Protein backbone atom coordinates (compact mmCIF):
# COMPACT_ATOMS: atom_id res chain seq x y z
CA MET A 1 90.14 22.65 83.29
CA LYS A 2 86.48 21.93 84.01
CA PRO A 3 85.09 23.06 87.37
CA ASP A 4 84.85 20.44 90.09
CA PRO A 5 81.15 19.48 90.39
CA ARG A 6 81.59 19.21 94.17
CA SER A 7 82.27 22.93 94.35
CA TRP A 8 78.77 23.80 93.25
CA ALA A 9 77.02 22.84 96.45
CA ALA A 10 79.46 24.82 98.57
CA SER A 11 79.69 27.87 96.35
CA ALA A 12 76.29 28.19 94.69
CA PRO A 13 74.73 31.59 95.35
CA THR A 14 71.64 32.19 97.41
CA GLY A 15 70.91 35.48 95.75
CA ASP A 16 73.94 37.24 97.29
CA ALA A 17 75.79 40.08 95.65
CA SER A 18 78.36 37.77 94.04
CA THR A 19 76.11 37.51 91.00
CA LEU A 20 75.43 40.54 88.82
CA TRP A 21 71.71 39.82 88.71
CA ALA A 22 71.31 39.06 92.44
CA LYS A 23 67.95 40.03 93.99
CA ASP A 24 68.41 38.50 97.48
CA LEU A 25 66.28 35.50 96.58
CA PRO A 26 67.23 31.86 97.20
CA LEU A 27 68.32 29.79 94.20
CA ASP A 28 68.20 26.03 93.85
CA VAL A 29 71.71 24.62 93.39
CA ALA A 30 70.68 22.29 90.55
CA ILE A 31 68.91 25.12 88.73
CA HIS A 32 71.95 27.35 89.16
CA ARG A 33 74.25 24.69 87.76
CA PHE A 34 71.95 24.10 84.79
CA THR A 35 71.68 27.78 83.90
CA VAL A 36 75.40 28.47 84.33
CA GLY A 37 76.22 25.44 82.21
CA GLU A 38 79.77 25.36 80.85
CA ASP A 39 80.40 29.09 81.06
CA PRO A 40 83.11 28.86 83.76
CA ASP A 41 85.04 26.66 81.32
CA THR A 42 84.21 28.17 77.93
CA ASP A 43 84.61 31.77 79.11
CA LEU A 44 88.29 31.16 79.80
CA ALA A 45 88.89 31.61 76.06
CA LEU A 46 87.05 34.95 76.12
CA LEU A 47 88.63 36.48 79.24
CA PRO A 48 91.43 38.43 77.48
CA TRP A 49 88.92 39.86 75.02
CA ASP A 50 86.40 40.63 77.76
CA ALA A 51 89.11 42.54 79.62
CA LEU A 52 90.11 44.41 76.45
CA GLY A 53 86.53 45.41 75.69
CA SER A 54 86.03 46.50 79.29
CA ALA A 55 89.14 48.69 79.07
CA ALA A 56 87.70 50.42 75.99
CA HIS A 57 84.42 50.88 77.88
CA ALA A 58 86.21 52.43 80.86
CA LYS A 59 88.07 54.88 78.65
CA MET A 60 84.84 55.82 76.89
CA LEU A 61 83.14 56.50 80.25
CA ALA A 62 85.99 58.82 81.19
CA ALA A 63 85.96 60.56 77.80
CA THR A 64 82.23 61.30 78.15
CA GLY A 65 82.51 62.49 81.75
CA LEU A 66 80.64 59.53 83.18
CA LEU A 67 83.70 58.31 85.08
CA GLU A 68 86.61 60.08 86.70
CA PRO A 69 89.79 59.76 84.59
CA SER A 70 91.72 58.46 87.60
CA ASP A 71 89.10 55.76 88.16
CA ALA A 72 89.22 54.78 84.48
CA ALA A 73 93.01 54.57 84.63
CA ALA A 74 92.83 52.30 87.69
CA LEU A 75 90.28 50.08 85.95
CA VAL A 76 92.41 49.79 82.82
CA ARG A 77 95.44 48.80 84.91
CA GLY A 78 93.38 46.16 86.69
CA LEU A 79 91.95 44.87 83.42
CA LYS A 80 95.42 44.65 81.86
CA ARG A 81 96.54 42.53 84.82
CA ILE A 82 93.53 40.26 84.37
CA ALA A 83 94.14 39.94 80.62
CA ASN A 84 97.77 38.95 81.22
CA LEU A 85 96.76 36.36 83.81
CA ALA A 86 94.07 34.99 81.51
CA ARG A 87 96.53 34.52 78.65
CA GLN A 88 98.66 32.47 81.04
CA ASN A 89 95.62 30.40 82.10
CA ALA A 90 96.06 31.83 85.59
CA PHE A 91 92.67 33.48 86.05
CA PRO A 92 90.15 30.75 86.94
CA ILE A 93 86.41 31.37 87.00
CA PRO A 94 84.82 29.96 90.21
CA PRO A 95 81.51 28.22 89.45
CA HIS A 96 79.53 30.47 91.80
CA LEU A 97 80.58 33.52 89.77
CA GLU A 98 78.87 32.02 86.71
CA ASP A 99 80.92 33.53 83.90
CA GLY A 100 83.94 35.56 82.92
CA HIS A 101 82.13 38.89 83.11
CA THR A 102 81.20 38.40 86.75
CA ALA A 103 84.66 37.06 87.60
CA ILE A 104 86.30 40.14 86.09
CA GLU A 105 84.05 42.56 87.93
CA ALA A 106 84.47 40.64 91.19
CA ASP A 107 88.25 40.83 90.85
CA LEU A 108 88.18 44.55 90.10
CA THR A 109 85.92 45.14 93.10
CA ARG A 110 88.22 43.19 95.40
CA SER A 111 91.27 45.12 94.25
CA LEU A 112 89.75 48.58 93.68
CA GLY A 113 86.70 48.67 95.94
CA ALA A 114 83.85 50.87 94.74
CA VAL A 115 85.82 51.87 91.65
CA GLY A 116 85.63 48.27 90.44
CA GLN A 117 81.86 48.34 90.65
CA ARG A 118 81.72 51.28 88.27
CA ILE A 119 82.94 49.23 85.29
CA HIS A 120 79.39 48.05 84.54
CA LEU A 121 77.98 51.56 84.17
CA GLY A 122 76.26 51.99 80.82
CA ARG A 123 76.32 48.41 79.63
CA SER A 124 74.65 45.03 80.05
CA ARG A 125 76.11 41.57 80.23
CA ASN A 126 74.49 41.17 76.81
CA ASP A 127 76.57 43.69 74.92
CA GLN A 128 79.56 42.84 77.11
CA VAL A 129 79.59 39.21 76.03
CA ILE A 130 78.78 40.06 72.42
CA LEU A 131 81.74 42.42 72.32
CA ALA A 132 84.12 39.90 73.89
CA PHE A 133 82.91 37.21 71.50
CA ARG A 134 83.10 39.58 68.52
CA LEU A 135 86.72 40.43 69.35
CA TYR A 136 87.51 36.73 69.79
CA LEU A 137 85.86 35.81 66.49
CA ARG A 138 87.49 38.66 64.61
CA ASP A 139 90.91 37.54 65.80
CA GLY A 140 90.13 33.86 65.22
CA LEU A 141 88.96 34.46 61.66
CA LEU A 142 92.16 36.27 60.71
CA ARG A 143 94.29 33.59 62.38
CA LEU A 144 92.47 30.94 60.35
CA GLY A 145 92.95 33.08 57.27
CA LEU A 146 96.71 32.98 57.73
CA ARG A 147 96.53 29.20 58.20
CA VAL A 148 94.61 28.87 54.96
CA ALA A 149 97.03 31.22 53.19
CA ASP A 150 99.94 29.07 54.38
CA LEU A 151 98.19 25.95 53.12
CA ALA A 152 97.44 27.54 49.75
CA ALA A 153 101.11 28.50 49.47
CA ALA A 154 102.08 24.89 50.20
CA PHE A 155 99.83 23.68 47.37
CA LEU A 156 101.30 26.32 45.07
CA ALA A 157 104.85 25.21 45.87
CA PHE A 158 103.85 21.57 45.24
CA ALA A 159 102.32 22.58 41.89
CA ARG A 160 105.51 24.37 40.85
CA THR A 161 107.69 21.42 41.75
CA HIS A 162 105.51 18.84 40.01
CA GLN A 163 103.80 20.90 37.31
CA THR A 164 104.79 18.60 34.42
CA VAL A 165 104.67 15.24 36.22
CA PRO A 166 101.93 13.22 34.47
CA LEU A 167 98.86 12.14 36.40
CA PRO A 168 95.77 10.41 35.03
CA GLY A 169 92.71 12.61 35.31
CA TYR A 170 89.63 10.83 36.61
CA THR A 171 85.89 11.29 36.28
CA HIS A 172 83.49 8.82 37.89
CA LEU A 173 86.68 7.34 39.43
CA ARG A 174 87.57 6.13 35.91
CA ARG A 175 90.52 7.29 33.83
CA ALA A 176 89.40 10.19 31.67
CA MET A 177 92.06 12.59 30.32
CA PRO A 178 95.73 13.35 30.90
CA SER A 179 96.51 15.67 33.78
CA THR A 180 99.55 16.59 35.84
CA PHE A 181 100.34 16.88 39.51
CA GLY A 182 100.79 20.58 38.87
CA LEU A 183 97.23 20.88 37.53
CA TRP A 184 95.97 18.84 40.51
CA ALA A 185 97.75 20.83 43.23
CA ALA A 186 96.96 24.19 41.64
CA ALA A 187 93.26 23.35 41.98
CA PHE A 188 93.50 23.34 45.76
CA ALA A 189 95.59 26.51 45.86
CA GLU A 190 92.97 28.20 43.66
CA GLY A 191 90.09 26.90 45.79
CA LEU A 192 91.68 28.19 48.97
CA LEU A 193 92.34 31.55 47.29
CA GLU A 194 88.60 31.79 46.62
CA GLU A 195 87.97 31.10 50.30
CA LEU A 196 90.44 33.82 51.29
CA GLU A 197 88.54 36.25 49.09
CA ALA A 198 85.29 35.17 50.74
CA LEU A 199 86.91 35.69 54.16
CA GLN A 200 86.81 39.44 53.61
CA GLY A 201 83.01 39.36 53.49
CA VAL A 202 82.82 37.39 56.74
CA TYR A 203 85.26 39.82 58.34
CA GLY A 204 83.03 42.72 57.30
CA ARG A 205 80.19 41.20 59.31
CA LEU A 206 82.40 41.05 62.40
CA ASP A 207 83.98 44.48 61.89
CA ARG A 208 81.13 46.33 63.67
CA CYS A 209 81.31 47.27 67.33
CA PRO A 210 78.23 46.11 69.30
CA LEU A 211 79.11 47.83 72.60
CA GLY A 212 76.52 50.35 73.77
CA SER A 213 73.53 48.30 72.68
CA ALA A 214 73.17 47.10 76.30
CA ALA A 215 70.29 44.63 76.64
CA GLY A 216 69.12 45.46 73.12
CA PHE A 217 67.52 48.86 73.52
CA GLY A 218 70.42 51.25 74.03
CA VAL A 219 71.45 53.18 77.15
CA PRO A 220 69.78 56.36 78.48
CA LEU A 221 73.19 57.97 79.02
CA PRO A 222 75.41 60.14 76.78
CA ILE A 223 77.78 57.29 75.88
CA ASP A 224 79.98 57.50 72.78
CA ARG A 225 79.69 54.31 70.76
CA GLU A 226 81.92 55.66 67.99
CA PHE A 227 84.69 56.15 70.57
CA THR A 228 84.72 52.51 71.65
CA ALA A 229 84.52 51.30 68.06
CA LYS A 230 87.55 53.38 67.10
CA VAL A 231 89.77 52.45 70.05
CA LEU A 232 89.03 48.75 69.50
CA GLY A 233 89.95 48.91 65.82
CA PHE A 234 86.45 48.43 64.41
CA SER A 235 85.62 50.24 61.19
CA LYS A 236 82.08 51.08 62.28
CA VAL A 237 79.39 50.76 64.94
CA GLN A 238 76.69 48.12 64.70
CA ARG A 239 73.99 50.78 64.90
CA SER A 240 70.75 49.03 65.76
CA PRO A 241 70.82 47.69 69.34
CA ILE A 242 68.12 45.18 68.44
CA ASP A 243 70.14 43.97 65.45
CA VAL A 244 73.09 43.47 67.80
CA GLN A 245 71.05 40.90 69.69
CA ASN A 246 69.46 39.47 66.55
CA SER A 247 72.86 38.93 64.96
CA ARG A 248 73.94 36.50 67.66
CA GLY A 249 74.29 33.13 66.02
CA ARG A 250 74.03 34.61 62.54
CA HIS A 251 77.59 35.91 62.35
CA GLU A 252 78.97 32.91 64.23
CA THR A 253 77.29 30.62 61.71
CA ALA A 254 78.76 32.61 58.82
CA LEU A 255 82.26 32.24 60.24
CA LEU A 256 81.96 28.50 60.80
CA GLN A 257 80.35 27.98 57.41
CA TRP A 258 83.34 29.77 55.91
CA ALA A 259 85.70 27.43 57.77
CA ALA A 260 83.64 24.44 56.67
CA SER A 261 83.74 25.65 53.06
CA ALA A 262 87.54 25.90 53.21
CA GLY A 263 87.44 22.41 54.70
CA GLY A 264 85.42 21.30 51.69
CA VAL A 265 88.30 22.32 49.43
CA VAL A 266 90.82 20.19 51.28
CA GLU A 267 88.42 17.29 51.83
CA LYS A 268 88.68 16.45 48.13
CA PHE A 269 92.47 16.65 48.37
CA LEU A 270 92.40 14.25 51.32
CA TRP A 271 90.22 11.79 49.43
CA ASP A 272 92.62 11.94 46.47
CA VAL A 273 95.62 11.35 48.72
CA SER A 274 93.85 8.42 50.32
CA PHE A 275 93.29 6.86 46.87
CA TYR A 276 96.62 7.79 45.30
CA SER A 277 98.66 6.46 48.21
CA THR A 278 97.14 2.96 48.11
CA GLU A 279 99.22 0.09 46.75
CA GLU A 280 96.80 -0.19 43.81
CA PHE A 281 97.51 3.38 42.67
CA GLY A 282 100.98 4.01 44.08
CA PHE A 283 101.11 7.59 42.82
CA LEU A 284 101.88 9.12 46.21
CA LYS A 285 103.68 7.96 49.31
CA LEU A 286 102.85 9.17 52.79
CA PRO A 287 105.83 9.71 55.09
CA ASP A 288 105.89 7.36 58.06
CA ALA A 289 105.25 10.30 60.41
CA PHE A 290 101.75 10.64 58.93
CA THR A 291 100.82 6.96 59.27
CA THR A 292 100.23 4.50 62.09
CA GLY A 293 100.56 0.74 62.34
CA SER A 294 98.05 -2.01 62.87
CA SER A 295 97.69 -3.85 66.16
CA ILE A 296 97.51 -7.17 64.33
CA MET A 297 98.99 -6.75 60.81
CA PRO A 298 102.74 -6.03 60.89
CA GLN A 299 102.88 -4.73 57.31
CA LYS A 300 100.22 -2.03 57.66
CA LYS A 301 100.88 1.71 57.45
CA ASN A 302 97.48 3.29 57.89
CA PRO A 303 96.81 6.85 56.65
CA ASP A 304 95.30 7.91 59.97
CA VAL A 305 96.23 11.59 59.64
CA VAL A 306 94.55 11.77 56.24
CA GLU A 307 91.43 10.01 57.46
CA LEU A 308 91.11 12.03 60.66
CA ALA A 309 91.62 15.26 58.73
CA ARG A 310 88.93 14.15 56.28
CA GLY A 311 86.61 13.48 59.21
CA ARG A 312 87.45 16.88 60.67
CA CYS A 313 86.12 18.48 57.48
CA ARG A 314 82.75 16.86 58.07
CA GLU A 315 82.95 17.72 61.77
CA LEU A 316 83.28 21.38 60.82
CA ARG A 317 80.11 21.19 58.75
CA GLY A 318 78.34 19.57 61.68
CA THR A 319 79.55 22.24 64.10
CA ALA A 320 78.38 24.99 61.75
CA GLY A 321 75.00 23.27 61.51
CA LEU A 322 74.73 22.99 65.30
CA VAL A 323 75.45 26.69 65.75
CA GLU A 324 72.91 27.56 63.06
CA GLN A 325 70.28 25.46 64.81
CA ILE A 326 70.91 27.02 68.23
CA GLY A 327 70.71 30.57 66.88
CA SER A 328 67.70 30.07 64.62
CA GLY A 329 63.99 29.92 65.33
CA LEU A 330 64.02 32.70 67.93
CA PRO A 331 62.12 35.99 68.01
CA SER A 332 63.93 39.33 68.23
CA SER A 333 66.19 40.38 71.08
CA TYR A 334 67.98 38.30 73.68
CA HIS A 335 67.06 34.77 74.78
CA ARG A 336 69.04 32.50 77.07
CA ASP A 337 69.31 29.88 74.31
CA LEU A 338 72.10 32.04 72.87
CA GLN A 339 74.37 31.16 75.79
CA LEU A 340 74.75 27.73 74.18
CA LEU A 341 76.51 29.22 71.16
CA LYS A 342 79.81 29.70 72.89
CA ARG A 343 81.00 26.13 73.34
CA PRO A 344 80.49 24.89 69.74
CA VAL A 345 81.84 28.10 68.20
CA ILE A 346 85.02 27.96 70.27
CA ALA A 347 85.34 24.25 69.49
CA GLY A 348 84.80 24.90 65.79
CA LEU A 349 87.58 27.47 65.62
CA ARG A 350 89.95 25.07 67.36
CA GLN A 351 88.96 22.23 65.02
CA ALA A 352 89.66 24.36 61.96
CA ASP A 353 92.96 25.63 63.33
CA GLU A 354 94.18 22.09 63.99
CA LEU A 355 93.00 20.87 60.58
CA PHE A 356 94.71 23.54 58.49
CA GLY A 357 97.80 23.47 60.71
CA VAL A 358 98.34 19.74 60.13
CA LEU A 359 97.74 19.96 56.39
CA VAL A 360 100.36 22.68 56.02
CA ARG A 361 102.84 20.02 57.16
CA LEU A 362 101.35 17.19 55.10
CA VAL A 363 101.39 18.77 51.62
CA PRO A 364 105.15 19.32 51.29
CA ALA A 365 105.84 15.91 52.85
CA LEU A 366 104.05 13.97 50.08
CA LYS A 367 106.33 11.98 47.79
CA VAL A 368 105.41 11.56 44.11
CA ASP A 369 106.19 8.36 42.22
CA ALA A 370 106.54 9.80 38.71
CA GLU A 371 107.26 6.36 37.21
CA ALA A 372 103.99 4.95 38.53
CA THR A 373 101.96 7.90 37.24
CA ALA A 374 103.63 7.72 33.83
CA THR A 375 102.83 4.00 33.58
CA ALA A 376 99.20 4.70 34.50
CA SER A 377 98.92 7.41 31.83
CA THR A 378 97.91 5.00 29.08
CA ASP A 379 97.01 5.83 25.48
CA GLU A 380 93.25 5.82 26.14
CA LEU A 381 93.63 9.03 28.15
CA TYR A 382 94.48 10.81 24.90
CA ALA A 383 91.27 9.90 23.09
CA ALA A 384 89.79 13.40 23.23
CA HIS A 385 93.16 14.93 22.32
CA GLN A 386 93.42 12.71 19.24
CA ALA A 387 89.89 13.65 18.20
CA TYR A 388 91.01 17.28 18.21
CA VAL A 389 94.04 16.34 16.09
CA PHE A 390 91.60 15.01 13.49
CA VAL A 391 89.50 18.18 13.85
CA GLN A 392 92.57 20.24 12.98
CA GLN A 393 92.91 18.08 9.87
CA GLY A 394 89.40 19.12 8.79
CA LEU A 395 87.04 16.51 10.27
CA PRO A 396 83.88 17.66 12.08
CA PHE A 397 84.19 16.90 15.77
CA ARG A 398 81.44 14.26 15.85
CA GLU A 399 83.07 12.40 12.98
CA ALA A 400 86.46 12.66 14.69
CA TYR A 401 84.88 11.38 17.91
CA ARG A 402 83.47 8.32 16.12
CA LYS A 403 86.77 7.67 14.35
CA VAL A 404 88.68 7.59 17.65
CA ALA A 405 86.03 5.40 19.28
CA GLN A 406 86.31 2.92 16.39
CA GLN A 407 90.10 2.85 16.64
CA ILE A 408 89.88 2.09 20.37
CA GLN A 409 87.36 -0.66 19.68
CA ASP A 410 89.54 -2.12 16.92
CA GLY A 411 92.69 -1.98 19.03
CA THR A 412 94.40 0.30 16.51
CA PHE A 413 94.37 3.48 18.58
CA ALA A 414 97.86 5.07 18.68
CA PRO A 415 97.58 8.76 19.61
CA ASP A 416 100.19 11.41 19.11
CA ARG A 417 100.64 12.38 22.76
CA THR A 418 102.67 15.48 21.99
CA ALA A 419 100.41 16.93 19.31
CA LEU A 420 98.19 19.04 21.54
CA THR A 421 98.07 20.35 25.07
CA ALA A 422 95.81 22.80 26.89
CA THR A 423 97.62 26.14 26.61
CA HIS A 424 94.68 28.28 27.70
CA LEU A 425 94.90 29.92 31.13
CA GLY A 426 94.61 27.24 33.79
CA GLY A 427 95.29 24.36 31.43
CA ALA A 428 98.11 21.87 31.94
CA GLY A 429 100.32 23.91 29.61
CA ASN A 430 99.56 27.25 31.27
CA LEU A 431 98.78 26.83 34.96
CA GLY A 432 98.95 30.56 35.70
CA LEU A 433 100.94 29.97 38.86
CA ASP A 434 102.52 33.42 38.89
CA ASP A 435 99.11 35.11 38.85
CA LEU A 436 97.92 32.74 41.54
CA ALA A 437 100.96 33.57 43.67
CA ALA A 438 100.35 37.30 43.31
CA GLU A 439 96.70 36.98 44.30
CA LEU A 440 97.60 34.84 47.31
CA ALA A 441 100.16 37.43 48.38
CA ALA A 442 97.51 40.16 48.14
CA ALA A 443 95.06 38.11 50.23
CA ARG A 444 97.71 37.51 52.88
CA SER A 445 98.65 41.19 52.91
CA TRP A 446 95.02 42.15 53.50
CA ILE A 447 94.82 39.83 56.51
CA GLU A 448 98.12 41.02 57.94
CA THR A 449 97.05 44.64 57.58
CA LYS A 450 93.87 43.99 59.56
CA ARG A 451 95.82 42.16 62.25
CA GLU A 452 98.22 45.06 62.55
CA ILE A 453 95.29 47.48 62.99
CA HIS A 454 93.98 45.32 65.83
CA ALA A 455 97.41 44.98 67.44
CA GLN A 456 97.96 48.73 67.39
CA ALA A 457 94.51 49.36 68.87
CA GLU A 458 95.16 46.87 71.67
CA ALA A 459 98.60 48.31 72.44
CA ALA A 460 97.13 51.83 72.60
CA LEU A 461 94.35 50.70 74.93
CA TRP A 462 96.75 49.13 77.41
CA ALA A 463 99.10 52.13 77.25
CA ASN A 464 97.28 53.85 80.09
């Protein structure tokens, strides 16, 4: 829920201690609203992760002797309460508190007094927000990975069911060579497998703990950055505090570009479905649940789900481009421009999640009209195949090519459709579906293992 604009005038700070940066100076309400922007709304998605990162920070402070163990335990209990409320959408961020970080500290201070104020020792809002966002992105990437794995599995199942059903293959949107629905669907399973393999590289960029970099120059205290990395389930520390700041926007762009690339795989599928389900093609039928009617034409069943999903693929590319633009063109270290990254990144993850979630339901619901595809698989599709039949009889390929072309021109072309098929790996006669299934299972297992590491780390952190 967006904050009520009327609350700004009544609750805007005048430099009081409600803001972490307060210096007892007056602040114009309009300026305050402009600088806070949408943070009270967008930070709601980050609150559970902010609380989790703060719990790791509190335990690190206790482990290094910078905080009394009893104080750290009280902070962790308070942060666990906040995280639970946030997951239930029951922890609002008042506009005058600016963001989730301030709201969390204000709540801890109200409930724990001076102990709550100690949570900010040894860190800045900069590394605090980067950590919360990093945890959010790490989790979001793996969730999307499972969505993509589910979708790839749906394509694989479709390919197995329809692996020998004929389908004209097209180039330039003109009939070219014989294909099958199995060959067609396996292409999208294979493309998504490639994206799942690429996901591991994106994850590696996020699997580095930024906490302890503070405002970008470290902390003059004996903090233990390796401790916080370990308890949060990171494999390593993002060492350079300046690189921590410089990486803002870079890693977010990489994640969204990955999502957009996976969207590029399914965009071609959606275009094909749009064509193949028209009355002119008739190869596929969309279930009624995936269509809508016309307000004026009673007979219409419009493929709105397909078209909106296709548009969502382009939207993802646009969101990735927006994030890249916001994060680029800046010198080293922190700049307030980076605050604007949060809204489009969060939106992009939601867009991708909705896209892949809907397509997982669409693929198995498609109905194939095998009679229509067989009728469309005319003799001309076998021109190249027949040329290779002549090659096997001893003709050079160019002579065989000309012979087939002449037969087509003369109207005497009558190919032997069963003479040859592509039996090499990946061809219509050897789709390699078992290998594809094994590789998809390995990619899914990798994701699930990482998620289990994160879940165990989180459970251990809250077990105070």
